[in-house]
Amino acid sequence: DRVKAYIGGDPENVKDIGTEIEISMGREPEVYTIDSASVTYIPKGTPHRQHLLRKPAKSSFVLTLTLPPKYVQPAKSRK
């Protein structure tokens, strides 16, 4: 599983990503267009893509988090 956060680079206005991005997901793709800060969740094995629709007017970034299949609790330290 994967989570992607689209975030504007201006700390005063992180909602403004300065561009439009087309995101499609699924075997019969559902297509979405985003133009402000957004988060997507992509289940493992789901076909997906992102495409810039216009040149960015300002800095922004995409934070991608790959999620492990299950949580494994760390071993307790011996003191």
N, C-alpha and C. Protein backbone atom coordinates (compact mmCIF):
# COMPACT_ATOMS: atom_id res chain seq x y z
N ASP A 1 0.84 -1.18 0.00
CA ASP A 1 0.00 0.00 0.00
C ASP A 1 0.89 1.24 0.00
N ARG A 2 0.36 2.30 -0.55
CA ARG A 2 1.14 3.54 -0.68
C ARG A 2 0.23 4.75 -0.45
N VAL A 3 0.80 5.76 0.19
CA VAL A 3 0.13 7.04 0.39
C VAL A 3 1.01 8.11 -0.24
N LYS A 4 0.38 9.02 -1.00
CA LYS A 4 1.12 10.14 -1.59
C LYS A 4 0.47 11.43 -1.14
N ALA A 5 1.30 12.35 -0.63
CA ALA A 5 0.82 13.67 -0.22
C ALA A 5 1.42 14.70 -1.17
N TYR A 6 0.56 15.49 -1.80
CA TYR A 6 0.98 16.56 -2.71
C TYR A 6 0.89 17.86 -1.92
N ILE A 7 2.03 18.53 -1.74
CA ILE A 7 2.11 19.66 -0.81
C ILE A 7 2.83 20.83 -1.48
N GLY A 8 2.29 22.03 -1.29
CA GLY A 8 2.94 23.23 -1.81
C GLY A 8 4.22 23.54 -1.05
N GLY A 9 5.19 24.15 -1.72
CA GLY A 9 6.48 24.44 -1.13
C GLY A 9 6.55 25.72 -0.32
N ASP A 10 5.50 26.55 -0.35
CA ASP A 10 5.49 27.80 0.40
C ASP A 10 4.95 27.53 1.81
N PRO A 11 5.76 27.67 2.85
CA PRO A 11 5.29 27.39 4.21
C PRO A 11 4.12 28.26 4.64
N GLU A 12 3.93 29.40 3.98
CA GLU A 12 2.81 30.29 4.30
C GLU A 12 1.51 29.83 3.65
N ASN A 13 1.62 28.94 2.62
CA ASN A 13 0.43 28.49 1.90
C ASN A 13 0.69 27.10 1.30
N VAL A 14 0.73 26.08 2.14
CA VAL A 14 1.05 24.72 1.67
C VAL A 14 -0.07 24.11 0.82
N LYS A 15 -1.25 24.75 0.81
CA LYS A 15 -2.36 24.24 0.00
C LYS A 15 -2.15 24.50 -1.50
N ASP A 16 -1.37 25.50 -1.83
CA ASP A 16 -1.15 25.88 -3.22
C ASP A 16 0.03 25.10 -3.80
N ILE A 17 -0.26 24.12 -4.68
CA ILE A 17 0.81 23.31 -5.27
C ILE A 17 1.33 23.93 -6.57
N GLY A 18 0.70 24.98 -7.06
CA GLY A 18 1.21 25.73 -8.21
C GLY A 18 1.11 25.03 -9.55
N THR A 19 0.31 23.99 -9.65
CA THR A 19 0.15 23.26 -10.91
C THR A 19 -1.14 22.45 -10.87
N GLU A 20 -1.40 21.73 -11.94
CA GLU A 20 -2.50 20.76 -11.99
C GLU A 20 -1.89 19.40 -12.28
N ILE A 21 -2.34 18.39 -11.55
CA ILE A 21 -1.83 17.04 -11.73
C ILE A 21 -3.02 16.12 -11.98
N GLU A 22 -2.90 15.31 -13.02
CA GLU A 22 -3.93 14.30 -13.31
C GLU A 22 -3.47 12.99 -12.67
N ILE A 23 -4.34 12.39 -11.88
CA ILE A 23 -4.04 11.14 -11.20
C ILE A 23 -5.08 10.11 -11.65
N SER A 24 -4.61 8.95 -12.07
CA SER A 24 -5.54 7.89 -12.43
C SER A 24 -5.19 6.63 -11.65
N MET A 25 -6.25 5.89 -11.26
CA MET A 25 -6.07 4.67 -10.49
C MET A 25 -7.08 3.62 -10.93
N GLY A 26 -6.63 2.37 -10.92
CA GLY A 26 -7.53 1.25 -11.19
C GLY A 26 -7.31 0.65 -12.57
N ARG A 27 -7.83 -0.57 -12.75
CA ARG A 27 -7.71 -1.27 -14.04
C ARG A 27 -8.54 -0.56 -15.11
N GLU A 28 -9.71 -0.09 -14.74
CA GLU A 28 -10.50 0.79 -15.60
C GLU A 28 -10.38 2.16 -14.92
N PRO A 29 -9.35 2.91 -15.28
CA PRO A 29 -8.92 4.07 -14.48
C PRO A 29 -10.01 5.10 -14.18
N GLU A 30 -10.05 5.45 -12.90
CA GLU A 30 -10.79 6.63 -12.48
C GLU A 30 -9.78 7.76 -12.53
N VAL A 31 -10.15 8.88 -13.14
CA VAL A 31 -9.21 9.98 -13.33
C VAL A 31 -9.65 11.17 -12.48
N TYR A 32 -8.69 11.73 -11.77
CA TYR A 32 -8.92 12.90 -10.92
C TYR A 32 -7.91 13.97 -11.28
N THR A 33 -8.30 15.21 -11.17
CA THR A 33 -7.39 16.33 -11.36
C THR A 33 -7.31 17.10 -10.06
N ILE A 34 -6.08 17.33 -9.59
CA ILE A 34 -5.90 18.10 -8.36
C ILE A 34 -5.14 19.38 -8.68
N ASP A 35 -5.46 20.45 -7.96
CA ASP A 35 -4.74 21.71 -8.12
C ASP A 35 -4.45 22.36 -6.77
N SER A 36 -4.64 21.59 -5.71
CA SER A 36 -4.29 22.06 -4.37
C SER A 36 -3.81 20.85 -3.56
N ALA A 37 -3.29 21.10 -2.38
CA ALA A 37 -2.74 20.03 -1.55
C ALA A 37 -3.75 18.89 -1.42
N SER A 38 -3.27 17.66 -1.60
CA SER A 38 -4.13 16.49 -1.58
C SER A 38 -3.34 15.28 -1.09
N VAL A 39 -4.08 14.25 -0.68
CA VAL A 39 -3.48 12.98 -0.27
C VAL A 39 -4.21 11.88 -1.02
N THR A 40 -3.44 10.92 -1.55
CA THR A 40 -4.04 9.76 -2.20
C THR A 40 -3.59 8.49 -1.49
N TYR A 41 -4.48 7.50 -1.47
CA TYR A 41 -4.16 6.17 -0.93
C TYR A 41 -4.26 5.19 -2.09
N ILE A 42 -3.21 4.41 -2.29
CA ILE A 42 -3.16 3.47 -3.40
C ILE A 42 -2.95 2.07 -2.83
N PRO A 43 -3.97 1.21 -2.87
CA PRO A 43 -3.81 -0.15 -2.37
C PRO A 43 -2.77 -0.92 -3.20
N LYS A 44 -2.07 -1.84 -2.55
CA LYS A 44 -1.05 -2.66 -3.21
C LYS A 44 -1.63 -3.32 -4.46
N GLY A 45 -0.88 -3.24 -5.56
CA GLY A 45 -1.27 -3.89 -6.80
C GLY A 45 -2.21 -3.07 -7.67
N THR A 46 -2.62 -1.89 -7.23
CA THR A 46 -3.53 -1.06 -8.01
C THR A 46 -2.73 -0.28 -9.06
N PRO A 47 -3.06 -0.44 -10.34
CA PRO A 47 -2.37 0.37 -11.36
C PRO A 47 -2.67 1.86 -11.12
N HIS A 48 -1.65 2.69 -11.25
CA HIS A 48 -1.84 4.12 -11.02
C HIS A 48 -0.77 4.90 -11.77
N ARG A 49 -1.07 6.19 -12.01
CA ARG A 49 -0.09 7.08 -12.63
C ARG A 49 -0.45 8.51 -12.28
N GLN A 50 0.53 9.38 -12.42
CA GLN A 50 0.31 10.81 -12.25
C GLN A 50 0.96 11.52 -13.43
N HIS A 51 0.33 12.60 -13.86
CA HIS A 51 0.80 13.32 -15.04
C HIS A 51 0.59 14.82 -14.81
N LEU A 52 1.66 15.61 -14.98
CA LEU A 52 1.54 17.07 -14.86
C LEU A 52 0.78 17.61 -16.06
N LEU A 53 -0.25 18.40 -15.80
CA LEU A 53 -1.04 18.99 -16.89
C LEU A 53 -0.50 20.36 -17.31
N ARG A 54 0.23 21.01 -16.42
CA ARG A 54 0.87 22.28 -16.80
C ARG A 54 2.14 22.46 -15.97
N LYS A 55 3.06 23.21 -16.53
CA LYS A 55 4.35 23.45 -15.87
C LYS A 55 4.11 24.11 -14.51
N PRO A 56 4.78 23.62 -13.46
CA PRO A 56 4.59 24.22 -12.13
C PRO A 56 5.01 25.69 -12.10
N ALA A 57 4.18 26.52 -11.47
CA ALA A 57 4.47 27.95 -11.34
C ALA A 57 5.31 28.24 -10.10
N LYS A 58 5.39 27.27 -9.20
CA LYS A 58 6.15 27.44 -7.96
C LYS A 58 6.58 26.08 -7.45
N SER A 59 7.39 26.08 -6.42
CA SER A 59 7.88 24.83 -5.84
C SER A 59 6.77 24.08 -5.12
N SER A 60 6.79 22.78 -5.26
CA SER A 60 5.91 21.89 -4.50
C SER A 60 6.59 20.53 -4.47
N PHE A 61 6.04 19.62 -3.69
CA PHE A 61 6.65 18.31 -3.64
C PHE A 61 5.62 17.24 -3.37
N VAL A 62 6.03 15.99 -3.63
CA VAL A 62 5.19 14.82 -3.37
C VAL A 62 5.93 13.98 -2.33
N LEU A 63 5.26 13.69 -1.23
CA LEU A 63 5.80 12.83 -0.19
C LEU A 63 5.15 11.47 -0.37
N THR A 64 5.95 10.45 -0.64
CA THR A 64 5.44 9.10 -0.86
C THR A 64 5.80 8.22 0.33
N LEU A 65 4.79 7.58 0.91
CA LEU A 65 4.98 6.66 2.02
C LEU A 65 4.55 5.27 1.58
N THR A 66 5.46 4.31 1.66
CA THR A 66 5.11 2.93 1.36
C THR A 66 4.81 2.25 2.69
N LEU A 67 3.62 1.69 2.79
CA LEU A 67 3.16 1.12 4.05
C LEU A 67 3.49 -0.36 4.12
N PRO A 68 4.01 -0.85 5.26
CA PRO A 68 4.30 -2.28 5.38
C PRO A 68 3.01 -3.07 5.41
N PRO A 69 3.07 -4.36 5.02
CA PRO A 69 1.85 -5.16 4.97
C PRO A 69 1.20 -5.39 6.33
N LYS A 70 2.01 -5.38 7.40
CA LYS A 70 1.44 -5.49 8.74
C LYS A 70 2.40 -4.87 9.73
N TYR A 71 1.86 -4.48 10.87
CA TYR A 71 2.67 -3.87 11.91
C TYR A 71 3.37 -4.97 12.71
N VAL A 72 4.67 -4.81 12.91
CA VAL A 72 5.43 -5.74 13.73
C VAL A 72 5.98 -4.94 14.91
N GLN A 73 5.55 -5.32 16.10
CA GLN A 73 5.98 -4.57 17.30
C GLN A 73 7.45 -4.86 17.56
N PRO A 74 8.23 -3.81 17.80
CA PRO A 74 9.65 -3.99 18.09
C PRO A 74 9.84 -4.80 19.38
N ALA A 75 10.92 -5.56 19.43
CA ALA A 75 11.24 -6.32 20.63
C ALA A 75 11.54 -5.36 21.77
N LYS A 76 11.16 -5.73 22.96
CA LYS A 76 11.43 -4.90 24.14
C LYS A 76 12.89 -5.02 24.51
N SER A 77 13.50 -3.90 24.83
CA SER A 77 14.91 -3.93 25.22
C SER A 77 15.07 -4.51 26.60
N ARG A 78 16.19 -5.20 26.79
CA ARG A 78 16.49 -5.78 28.10
C ARG A 78 17.37 -4.81 28.85
N LYS A 79 16.98 -4.49 30.05
CA LYS A 79 17.76 -3.55 30.85
C LYS A 79 18.37 -4.24 32.03
